[in-house]
N, C-alpha and C. Protein backbone atom coordinates (compact mmCIF):
# COMPACT_ATOMS: atom_id res chain seq x y z
N UNK A 1 16.15 -0.99 16.35
CA UNK A 1 16.31 -2.31 15.77
C UNK A 1 16.64 -2.15 14.29
N UNK A 2 17.68 -2.80 13.81
CA UNK A 2 18.00 -2.68 12.39
C UNK A 2 16.92 -3.29 11.51
N UNK A 3 16.81 -2.78 10.32
CA UNK A 3 15.80 -3.24 9.37
C UNK A 3 16.14 -4.64 8.88
N UNK A 4 15.16 -5.51 8.94
CA UNK A 4 15.32 -6.85 8.39
C UNK A 4 14.60 -6.88 7.06
N UNK A 5 15.18 -7.52 6.06
CA UNK A 5 14.55 -7.55 4.75
C UNK A 5 13.44 -8.58 4.66
N UNK A 6 13.22 -9.36 5.69
CA UNK A 6 12.15 -10.35 5.65
C UNK A 6 11.03 -9.96 6.58
N UNK A 7 9.85 -10.16 6.11
CA UNK A 7 8.65 -9.95 6.90
C UNK A 7 8.32 -11.29 7.54
N UNK A 8 8.19 -11.34 8.84
CA UNK A 8 7.91 -12.60 9.51
C UNK A 8 6.41 -12.87 9.42
N UNK A 9 6.06 -13.84 8.62
CA UNK A 9 4.67 -14.24 8.46
C UNK A 9 4.59 -15.57 7.75
N UNK A 10 3.42 -15.96 7.42
CA UNK A 10 3.21 -17.24 6.75
C UNK A 10 2.98 -17.08 5.26
N UNK A 11 3.52 -16.05 4.66
CA UNK A 11 3.27 -15.78 3.25
C UNK A 11 4.56 -15.88 2.45
N UNK A 12 4.94 -17.10 2.08
CA UNK A 12 6.13 -17.23 1.22
C UNK A 12 5.80 -16.74 -0.18
N UNK A 13 6.75 -16.86 -1.08
CA UNK A 13 6.54 -16.47 -2.47
C UNK A 13 5.24 -17.10 -2.96
N UNK A 14 4.32 -16.27 -3.41
CA UNK A 14 2.99 -16.73 -3.81
C UNK A 14 2.83 -16.53 -5.30
N UNK A 15 2.43 -17.55 -5.99
CA UNK A 15 2.06 -17.41 -7.40
C UNK A 15 0.55 -17.25 -7.42
N UNK A 16 0.10 -16.10 -7.88
CA UNK A 16 -1.35 -15.87 -7.96
C UNK A 16 -1.92 -16.81 -9.00
N UNK A 17 -2.76 -17.73 -8.57
CA UNK A 17 -3.24 -18.79 -9.45
C UNK A 17 -4.04 -18.28 -10.64
N UNK A 18 -4.75 -17.19 -10.48
CA UNK A 18 -5.56 -16.70 -11.58
C UNK A 18 -4.85 -15.61 -12.39
N UNK A 19 -3.65 -15.27 -12.02
CA UNK A 19 -2.93 -14.19 -12.68
C UNK A 19 -1.58 -14.75 -13.14
N UNK A 20 -1.54 -15.13 -14.38
CA UNK A 20 -0.36 -15.79 -14.95
C UNK A 20 0.89 -14.92 -14.83
N UNK A 21 1.96 -15.54 -14.40
CA UNK A 21 3.30 -14.93 -14.33
C UNK A 21 3.51 -13.89 -13.24
N UNK A 22 2.55 -13.66 -12.37
CA UNK A 22 2.73 -12.65 -11.31
C UNK A 22 3.02 -13.36 -10.00
N UNK A 23 4.09 -12.94 -9.35
CA UNK A 23 4.42 -13.46 -8.03
C UNK A 23 4.34 -12.31 -7.03
N UNK A 24 4.13 -12.66 -5.78
CA UNK A 24 4.04 -11.65 -4.71
C UNK A 24 5.04 -12.06 -3.64
N UNK A 25 5.96 -11.17 -3.35
CA UNK A 25 6.96 -11.46 -2.31
C UNK A 25 6.80 -10.48 -1.15
N UNK A 26 7.24 -10.92 0.02
CA UNK A 26 7.14 -10.09 1.22
C UNK A 26 8.52 -9.70 1.74
N UNK A 27 9.48 -9.72 0.88
CA UNK A 27 10.83 -9.27 1.21
C UNK A 27 11.15 -8.04 0.39
N UNK A 28 11.76 -7.07 1.03
CA UNK A 28 12.26 -5.92 0.28
C UNK A 28 13.66 -6.22 -0.21
N UNK A 29 13.93 -5.79 -1.42
CA UNK A 29 15.27 -5.91 -2.00
C UNK A 29 15.80 -4.51 -2.27
N UNK A 30 17.11 -4.42 -2.39
CA UNK A 30 17.72 -3.14 -2.74
C UNK A 30 17.08 -2.61 -4.02
N UNK A 31 16.74 -1.35 -4.01
CA UNK A 31 16.12 -0.70 -5.15
C UNK A 31 14.61 -0.63 -5.09
N UNK A 32 13.97 -1.49 -4.27
CA UNK A 32 12.50 -1.51 -4.20
C UNK A 32 11.92 -0.18 -3.75
N UNK A 33 12.44 0.37 -2.66
CA UNK A 33 11.87 1.60 -2.12
C UNK A 33 12.00 2.75 -3.11
N UNK A 34 13.17 2.89 -3.70
CA UNK A 34 13.37 3.93 -4.70
C UNK A 34 12.46 3.76 -5.91
N UNK A 35 12.28 2.52 -6.33
CA UNK A 35 11.42 2.25 -7.48
C UNK A 35 9.97 2.59 -7.17
N UNK A 36 9.51 2.22 -5.98
CA UNK A 36 8.13 2.51 -5.58
C UNK A 36 7.91 4.02 -5.50
N UNK A 37 8.88 4.74 -4.98
CA UNK A 37 8.79 6.20 -4.94
C UNK A 37 8.68 6.75 -6.37
N UNK A 38 9.55 6.28 -7.24
CA UNK A 38 9.55 6.73 -8.63
C UNK A 38 8.21 6.43 -9.32
N UNK A 39 7.72 5.20 -9.19
CA UNK A 39 6.48 4.83 -9.88
C UNK A 39 5.28 5.59 -9.32
N UNK A 40 5.23 5.80 -8.01
CA UNK A 40 4.16 6.61 -7.45
C UNK A 40 4.20 8.02 -8.03
N UNK A 41 5.37 8.62 -8.03
CA UNK A 41 5.50 9.96 -8.56
C UNK A 41 5.08 10.04 -10.02
N UNK A 42 5.55 9.09 -10.82
CA UNK A 42 5.26 9.09 -12.25
C UNK A 42 3.79 8.80 -12.53
N UNK A 43 3.26 7.73 -11.93
CA UNK A 43 1.86 7.36 -12.18
C UNK A 43 0.88 8.44 -11.72
N UNK A 44 1.08 8.93 -10.51
CA UNK A 44 0.14 9.93 -9.99
C UNK A 44 0.27 11.26 -10.73
N UNK A 45 1.44 11.56 -11.27
CA UNK A 45 1.56 12.75 -12.10
C UNK A 45 0.85 12.53 -13.43
N UNK A 46 1.11 11.39 -14.07
CA UNK A 46 0.49 11.11 -15.36
C UNK A 46 -1.03 11.02 -15.27
N UNK A 47 -1.54 10.38 -14.23
CA UNK A 47 -2.97 10.12 -14.13
C UNK A 47 -3.76 11.22 -13.42
N UNK A 48 -3.11 11.94 -12.50
CA UNK A 48 -3.84 12.92 -11.68
C UNK A 48 -3.18 14.27 -11.58
N UNK A 49 -2.08 14.47 -12.26
CA UNK A 49 -1.34 15.74 -12.23
C UNK A 49 -0.85 16.12 -10.83
N UNK A 50 -0.50 15.11 -10.02
CA UNK A 50 0.09 15.40 -8.72
C UNK A 50 1.53 15.83 -8.97
N UNK A 51 2.00 16.80 -8.22
CA UNK A 51 3.32 17.36 -8.44
C UNK A 51 4.42 16.64 -7.69
N UNK A 52 5.59 17.25 -7.71
CA UNK A 52 6.75 16.70 -7.02
C UNK A 52 6.52 16.58 -5.52
N UNK A 53 5.66 17.41 -4.97
CA UNK A 53 5.39 17.35 -3.54
C UNK A 53 4.79 15.99 -3.16
N UNK A 54 4.02 15.38 -4.09
CA UNK A 54 3.47 14.06 -3.81
C UNK A 54 4.59 13.02 -3.77
N UNK A 55 5.50 13.09 -4.72
CA UNK A 55 6.62 12.14 -4.74
C UNK A 55 7.46 12.29 -3.47
N UNK A 56 7.68 13.52 -3.02
CA UNK A 56 8.42 13.76 -1.78
C UNK A 56 7.67 13.19 -0.58
N UNK A 57 6.34 13.32 -0.58
CA UNK A 57 5.51 12.75 0.48
C UNK A 57 5.69 11.23 0.55
N UNK A 58 5.67 10.57 -0.61
CA UNK A 58 5.87 9.12 -0.65
C UNK A 58 7.26 8.76 -0.14
N UNK A 59 8.27 9.50 -0.58
CA UNK A 59 9.64 9.24 -0.14
C UNK A 59 9.77 9.37 1.38
N UNK A 60 9.17 10.40 1.93
CA UNK A 60 9.23 10.61 3.38
C UNK A 60 8.54 9.46 4.12
N UNK A 61 7.38 9.04 3.63
CA UNK A 61 6.65 7.95 4.27
C UNK A 61 7.38 6.61 4.19
N UNK A 62 8.01 6.34 3.06
CA UNK A 62 8.76 5.08 2.94
C UNK A 62 10.02 5.11 3.80
N UNK A 63 10.62 6.29 3.95
CA UNK A 63 11.76 6.41 4.86
C UNK A 63 11.31 6.16 6.30
N UNK A 64 10.15 6.69 6.65
CA UNK A 64 9.59 6.43 7.99
C UNK A 64 9.36 4.94 8.20
N UNK A 65 8.79 4.28 7.20
CA UNK A 65 8.57 2.83 7.28
C UNK A 65 9.90 2.10 7.50
N UNK A 66 10.89 2.43 6.73
CA UNK A 66 12.20 1.79 6.84
C UNK A 66 12.78 1.95 8.24
N UNK A 67 12.69 3.16 8.80
CA UNK A 67 13.30 3.44 10.10
C UNK A 67 12.50 2.88 11.27
N UNK A 68 11.20 2.65 11.08
CA UNK A 68 10.40 2.12 12.20
C UNK A 68 10.00 0.66 11.98
N UNK A 69 10.54 0.03 10.96
CA UNK A 69 10.18 -1.34 10.59
C UNK A 69 10.31 -2.30 11.77
N UNK A 70 9.26 -3.09 11.97
CA UNK A 70 9.24 -4.13 12.98
C UNK A 70 8.75 -5.39 12.29
N UNK A 71 9.60 -6.38 12.18
CA UNK A 71 9.26 -7.60 11.43
C UNK A 71 8.07 -8.36 12.01
N UNK A 72 7.72 -8.09 13.25
CA UNK A 72 6.56 -8.75 13.85
C UNK A 72 5.25 -8.01 13.56
N UNK A 73 5.35 -6.74 13.14
CA UNK A 73 4.14 -5.92 13.00
C UNK A 73 3.92 -5.37 11.60
N UNK A 74 4.96 -5.29 10.78
CA UNK A 74 4.88 -4.64 9.48
C UNK A 74 5.07 -5.66 8.36
N UNK A 75 4.55 -5.32 7.18
CA UNK A 75 4.72 -6.20 6.04
C UNK A 75 4.60 -5.43 4.74
N UNK A 76 5.28 -5.92 3.71
CA UNK A 76 5.16 -5.40 2.36
C UNK A 76 4.75 -6.54 1.45
N UNK A 77 4.07 -6.18 0.37
CA UNK A 77 3.74 -7.13 -0.68
C UNK A 77 4.19 -6.49 -1.98
N UNK A 78 5.15 -7.12 -2.61
CA UNK A 78 5.73 -6.62 -3.85
C UNK A 78 5.31 -7.57 -4.97
N UNK A 79 4.56 -7.06 -5.93
CA UNK A 79 4.08 -7.87 -7.06
C UNK A 79 5.06 -7.75 -8.21
N UNK A 80 5.43 -8.91 -8.76
CA UNK A 80 6.37 -8.91 -9.87
C UNK A 80 5.86 -9.77 -11.01
N UNK A 81 6.13 -9.30 -12.20
CA UNK A 81 5.93 -10.09 -13.41
C UNK A 81 7.33 -10.31 -13.95
N UNK A 82 7.82 -11.51 -13.81
CA UNK A 82 9.22 -11.86 -14.03
C UNK A 82 10.04 -11.02 -13.05
N UNK A 83 10.84 -10.07 -13.48
CA UNK A 83 11.63 -9.25 -12.56
C UNK A 83 11.16 -7.80 -12.50
N UNK A 84 9.99 -7.51 -13.03
CA UNK A 84 9.47 -6.14 -13.06
C UNK A 84 8.42 -5.96 -11.97
N UNK A 85 8.61 -4.95 -11.12
CA UNK A 85 7.61 -4.64 -10.10
C UNK A 85 6.39 -4.06 -10.79
N UNK A 86 5.23 -4.68 -10.53
CA UNK A 86 3.98 -4.23 -11.16
C UNK A 86 2.93 -3.81 -10.15
N UNK A 87 3.24 -3.95 -8.87
CA UNK A 87 2.32 -3.53 -7.83
C UNK A 87 2.99 -3.57 -6.47
N UNK A 88 2.38 -2.87 -5.51
CA UNK A 88 3.00 -2.75 -4.20
C UNK A 88 1.94 -2.35 -3.18
N UNK A 89 2.11 -2.82 -1.95
CA UNK A 89 1.26 -2.46 -0.82
C UNK A 89 2.06 -2.70 0.45
N UNK A 90 1.86 -1.86 1.44
CA UNK A 90 2.48 -2.14 2.73
C UNK A 90 1.53 -1.88 3.88
N UNK A 91 1.78 -2.60 4.95
CA UNK A 91 1.07 -2.44 6.22
C UNK A 91 2.10 -1.93 7.21
N UNK A 92 1.81 -0.79 7.82
CA UNK A 92 2.72 -0.16 8.77
C UNK A 92 2.05 -0.07 10.13
N UNK A 93 2.73 -0.55 11.17
CA UNK A 93 2.15 -0.51 12.50
C UNK A 93 2.05 0.93 13.00
N UNK A 94 1.01 1.16 13.76
CA UNK A 94 0.78 2.44 14.42
C UNK A 94 0.43 2.17 15.87
N UNK A 95 0.18 3.22 16.64
CA UNK A 95 -0.16 3.07 18.06
C UNK A 95 -1.51 2.38 18.25
N UNK A 96 -1.72 1.87 19.44
CA UNK A 96 -3.01 1.32 19.88
C UNK A 96 -3.51 0.17 19.01
N UNK A 97 -2.63 -0.77 18.68
CA UNK A 97 -3.01 -1.94 17.88
C UNK A 97 -3.67 -1.56 16.57
N UNK A 98 -3.18 -0.49 15.98
CA UNK A 98 -3.70 -0.01 14.71
C UNK A 98 -2.62 -0.16 13.64
N UNK A 99 -3.07 -0.30 12.39
CA UNK A 99 -2.15 -0.40 11.25
C UNK A 99 -2.59 0.59 10.19
N UNK A 100 -1.63 1.01 9.39
CA UNK A 100 -1.93 1.90 8.27
C UNK A 100 -1.63 1.18 6.96
N UNK A 101 -2.57 1.26 6.04
CA UNK A 101 -2.40 0.76 4.68
C UNK A 101 -1.79 1.90 3.88
N UNK A 102 -0.64 1.63 3.22
CA UNK A 102 0.06 2.71 2.51
C UNK A 102 0.62 2.23 1.18
N UNK A 103 0.73 3.16 0.26
CA UNK A 103 1.46 3.03 -1.00
C UNK A 103 1.00 1.88 -1.88
N UNK A 104 -0.30 1.71 -1.93
CA UNK A 104 -0.92 0.69 -2.78
C UNK A 104 -0.94 1.22 -4.20
N UNK A 105 -0.31 0.50 -5.09
CA UNK A 105 -0.41 0.88 -6.49
C UNK A 105 -0.27 -0.35 -7.37
N UNK A 106 -0.88 -0.27 -8.53
CA UNK A 106 -0.75 -1.29 -9.57
C UNK A 106 -0.43 -0.58 -10.87
N UNK A 107 0.47 -1.15 -11.63
CA UNK A 107 0.72 -0.61 -12.96
C UNK A 107 -0.57 -0.71 -13.76
N UNK A 108 -0.83 0.26 -14.62
CA UNK A 108 -2.11 0.30 -15.35
C UNK A 108 -2.47 -1.01 -16.05
N UNK A 109 -1.52 -1.67 -16.67
CA UNK A 109 -1.83 -2.90 -17.40
C UNK A 109 -2.13 -4.10 -16.50
N UNK A 110 -1.97 -3.92 -15.19
CA UNK A 110 -2.25 -5.00 -14.24
C UNK A 110 -3.49 -4.71 -13.39
N UNK A 111 -4.23 -3.69 -13.76
CA UNK A 111 -5.46 -3.37 -13.05
C UNK A 111 -6.62 -4.14 -13.68
N UNK A 112 -7.59 -4.49 -12.85
CA UNK A 112 -8.79 -5.15 -13.37
C UNK A 112 -8.64 -6.63 -13.61
N UNK A 113 -7.56 -7.24 -13.12
CA UNK A 113 -7.36 -8.68 -13.32
C UNK A 113 -7.40 -9.47 -12.02
N UNK A 114 -7.76 -8.77 -10.92
CA UNK A 114 -7.87 -9.44 -9.63
C UNK A 114 -6.67 -9.26 -8.71
N UNK A 115 -5.63 -8.60 -9.18
CA UNK A 115 -4.44 -8.43 -8.36
C UNK A 115 -4.69 -7.51 -7.17
N UNK A 116 -5.47 -6.46 -7.35
CA UNK A 116 -5.82 -5.57 -6.24
C UNK A 116 -6.57 -6.31 -5.15
N UNK A 117 -7.52 -7.15 -5.54
CA UNK A 117 -8.24 -7.97 -4.56
C UNK A 117 -7.31 -8.91 -3.84
N UNK A 118 -6.38 -9.51 -4.55
CA UNK A 118 -5.42 -10.43 -3.94
C UNK A 118 -4.59 -9.70 -2.88
N UNK A 119 -4.11 -8.51 -3.22
CA UNK A 119 -3.32 -7.74 -2.26
C UNK A 119 -4.14 -7.34 -1.04
N UNK A 120 -5.37 -6.93 -1.27
CA UNK A 120 -6.23 -6.55 -0.14
C UNK A 120 -6.49 -7.75 0.76
N UNK A 121 -6.69 -8.92 0.19
CA UNK A 121 -6.92 -10.11 1.01
C UNK A 121 -5.68 -10.46 1.82
N UNK A 122 -4.50 -10.34 1.23
CA UNK A 122 -3.26 -10.58 1.97
C UNK A 122 -3.11 -9.57 3.11
N UNK A 123 -3.45 -8.32 2.84
CA UNK A 123 -3.41 -7.28 3.87
C UNK A 123 -4.35 -7.65 5.02
N UNK A 124 -5.58 -8.01 4.68
CA UNK A 124 -6.58 -8.34 5.70
C UNK A 124 -6.16 -9.58 6.51
N UNK A 125 -5.62 -10.58 5.86
CA UNK A 125 -5.16 -11.79 6.55
C UNK A 125 -4.05 -11.47 7.54
N UNK A 126 -3.09 -10.67 7.12
CA UNK A 126 -1.98 -10.29 8.00
C UNK A 126 -2.49 -9.45 9.17
N UNK A 127 -3.39 -8.53 8.89
CA UNK A 127 -3.98 -7.68 9.91
C UNK A 127 -4.60 -8.53 11.02
N UNK A 128 -5.38 -9.52 10.62
CA UNK A 128 -6.05 -10.40 11.59
C UNK A 128 -5.06 -11.33 12.29
N UNK A 129 -4.12 -11.87 11.53
CA UNK A 129 -3.12 -12.78 12.10
C UNK A 129 -2.32 -12.11 13.20
N UNK A 130 -2.01 -10.84 13.02
CA UNK A 130 -1.19 -10.11 13.99
C UNK A 130 -2.02 -9.46 15.09
N UNK A 131 -3.34 -9.61 15.07
CA UNK A 131 -4.19 -9.13 16.14
C UNK A 131 -4.46 -7.63 16.15
N UNK A 132 -4.33 -6.99 15.01
CA UNK A 132 -4.66 -5.57 14.96
C UNK A 132 -6.15 -5.38 15.22
N UNK A 133 -6.48 -4.29 15.92
CA UNK A 133 -7.88 -3.99 16.21
C UNK A 133 -8.48 -3.04 15.18
N UNK A 134 -7.62 -2.29 14.48
CA UNK A 134 -8.12 -1.35 13.49
C UNK A 134 -7.04 -1.08 12.44
N UNK A 135 -7.50 -0.50 11.34
CA UNK A 135 -6.58 -0.07 10.29
C UNK A 135 -7.17 1.20 9.66
N UNK A 136 -6.31 1.97 9.05
CA UNK A 136 -6.78 3.16 8.36
C UNK A 136 -5.89 3.43 7.16
N UNK A 137 -6.37 4.30 6.31
CA UNK A 137 -5.59 4.74 5.15
C UNK A 137 -6.02 6.14 4.78
N UNK A 138 -5.15 6.84 4.08
CA UNK A 138 -5.46 8.14 3.52
C UNK A 138 -5.37 8.03 2.01
N UNK A 139 -6.30 8.64 1.32
CA UNK A 139 -6.32 8.69 -0.13
C UNK A 139 -6.91 10.04 -0.54
N UNK A 140 -7.26 10.17 -1.79
CA UNK A 140 -7.90 11.40 -2.24
C UNK A 140 -9.22 11.08 -2.93
N UNK A 141 -10.04 12.09 -3.07
CA UNK A 141 -11.34 11.92 -3.71
C UNK A 141 -11.21 11.50 -5.18
N UNK A 142 -10.05 11.65 -5.76
CA UNK A 142 -9.85 11.26 -7.16
C UNK A 142 -9.62 9.77 -7.35
N UNK A 143 -9.37 9.06 -6.30
CA UNK A 143 -9.06 7.63 -6.39
C UNK A 143 -10.32 6.78 -6.20
N UNK A 144 -11.31 6.99 -7.04
CA UNK A 144 -12.62 6.35 -6.86
C UNK A 144 -12.57 4.83 -7.01
N UNK A 145 -11.78 4.31 -7.92
CA UNK A 145 -11.68 2.86 -8.08
C UNK A 145 -11.08 2.24 -6.82
N UNK A 146 -10.03 2.86 -6.30
CA UNK A 146 -9.40 2.36 -5.09
C UNK A 146 -10.35 2.42 -3.90
N UNK A 147 -11.07 3.53 -3.76
CA UNK A 147 -11.96 3.64 -2.60
C UNK A 147 -13.08 2.60 -2.65
N UNK A 148 -13.54 2.25 -3.83
CA UNK A 148 -14.54 1.17 -3.94
C UNK A 148 -13.96 -0.15 -3.45
N UNK A 149 -12.70 -0.41 -3.78
CA UNK A 149 -12.04 -1.63 -3.31
C UNK A 149 -11.91 -1.61 -1.79
N UNK A 150 -11.47 -0.50 -1.22
CA UNK A 150 -11.34 -0.40 0.24
C UNK A 150 -12.70 -0.61 0.92
N UNK A 151 -13.74 -0.04 0.37
CA UNK A 151 -15.07 -0.19 0.96
C UNK A 151 -15.54 -1.64 0.89
N UNK A 152 -15.20 -2.36 -0.16
CA UNK A 152 -15.58 -3.78 -0.24
C UNK A 152 -14.93 -4.59 0.88
N UNK A 153 -13.81 -4.14 1.37
CA UNK A 153 -13.12 -4.84 2.46
C UNK A 153 -13.46 -4.26 3.83
N UNK A 154 -14.46 -3.40 3.90
CA UNK A 154 -14.97 -2.92 5.18
C UNK A 154 -14.50 -1.56 5.63
N UNK A 155 -13.64 -0.91 4.89
CA UNK A 155 -13.19 0.43 5.26
C UNK A 155 -14.34 1.42 5.05
N UNK A 156 -14.46 2.38 5.97
CA UNK A 156 -15.50 3.40 5.91
C UNK A 156 -14.86 4.78 5.91
N UNK A 157 -15.41 5.66 5.09
CA UNK A 157 -14.95 7.05 5.04
C UNK A 157 -15.25 7.71 6.38
N UNK A 158 -14.23 8.27 7.03
CA UNK A 158 -14.42 8.88 8.35
C UNK A 158 -14.00 10.35 8.42
N UNK A 159 -13.26 10.81 7.43
CA UNK A 159 -12.79 12.19 7.49
C UNK A 159 -12.45 12.68 6.09
N UNK A 160 -12.72 13.96 5.86
CA UNK A 160 -12.33 14.61 4.61
C UNK A 160 -11.76 15.98 4.93
N UNK A 161 -10.76 16.37 4.16
CA UNK A 161 -10.20 17.71 4.35
C UNK A 161 -9.66 18.21 3.01
N UNK A 162 -9.88 19.49 2.77
CA UNK A 162 -9.36 20.12 1.56
C UNK A 162 -7.85 20.23 1.68
N UNK A 163 -7.18 20.05 0.54
CA UNK A 163 -5.72 20.07 0.55
C UNK A 163 -5.20 20.53 -0.80
N UNK A 164 -4.03 21.14 -0.78
CA UNK A 164 -3.30 21.39 -2.01
C UNK A 164 -1.86 20.90 -1.86
N UNK A 165 -1.68 19.93 -0.95
CA UNK A 165 -0.35 19.40 -0.64
C UNK A 165 0.31 18.66 -1.80
N UNK A 166 -0.47 18.23 -2.77
CA UNK A 166 0.10 17.45 -3.87
C UNK A 166 0.19 18.25 -5.16
N UNK A 167 0.19 19.57 -5.03
CA UNK A 167 0.39 20.42 -6.19
C UNK A 167 -0.88 20.88 -6.87
N UNK A 168 -2.02 20.53 -6.31
CA UNK A 168 -3.30 20.97 -6.87
C UNK A 168 -4.37 20.82 -5.80
N UNK A 169 -5.48 21.54 -5.92
CA UNK A 169 -6.56 21.41 -4.94
C UNK A 169 -7.25 20.05 -5.08
N UNK A 170 -7.50 19.41 -3.96
CA UNK A 170 -8.23 18.15 -3.92
C UNK A 170 -8.74 17.92 -2.51
N UNK A 171 -9.41 16.81 -2.31
CA UNK A 171 -9.91 16.46 -0.99
C UNK A 171 -9.22 15.18 -0.54
N UNK A 172 -8.51 15.27 0.58
CA UNK A 172 -7.92 14.07 1.17
C UNK A 172 -9.00 13.37 1.98
N UNK A 173 -8.98 12.05 1.94
CA UNK A 173 -9.98 11.25 2.63
C UNK A 173 -9.32 10.19 3.49
N UNK A 174 -9.86 10.05 4.69
CA UNK A 174 -9.40 8.98 5.59
C UNK A 174 -10.49 7.92 5.64
N UNK A 175 -10.06 6.68 5.54
CA UNK A 175 -10.93 5.52 5.67
C UNK A 175 -10.45 4.69 6.85
N UNK A 176 -11.39 4.22 7.68
CA UNK A 176 -11.05 3.41 8.84
C UNK A 176 -11.75 2.05 8.76
N UNK A 177 -11.10 1.08 9.37
CA UNK A 177 -11.62 -0.28 9.46
C UNK A 177 -11.44 -0.75 10.90
N UNK A 178 -12.49 -1.32 11.47
CA UNK A 178 -12.39 -1.90 12.80
C UNK A 178 -12.51 -3.41 12.66
N UNK A 179 -11.51 -4.13 13.15
CA UNK A 179 -11.40 -5.57 12.97
C UNK A 179 -12.18 -6.28 14.07
N UNK A 180 -12.95 -7.27 13.68
CA UNK A 180 -13.75 -8.05 14.65
C UNK A 180 -12.89 -9.10 15.31
């Protein structure tokens, strides 16, 4: 099925009421995927010294999303301040009525203002609306602020493994959520 730039859901352009000038769209535009790859690579290198292998990992995953996109099962949330992307999150369908939370990031100056909570709530609403039974995500032990947010929304740490896939030794962590 060819990729559709629209996510079929009930989430039109949303102006976050408590976050001045930030809009959230669920349509991908040309340049979005490349920009998200770039920002992930740059931010995670600057903040955590992740190498080029991390950026390649993000690129591979976003290519997978693009090629397996199903407008009934998948969604993106692109946060913009005027025309600048300041945050991103996607839900990718997996087998057995499961979804994966991927590529969640916020620009540093947009952290701590409630935007992460807004994105997580949109993710959870879509998850339930589409009838998913579970969701999971992979992160690292260095992302403590993010893991606290995931835990507030019901995700539980279920697996840890040592890794040097991102250019340095760290612990990859899997978090799972079972939807009621």
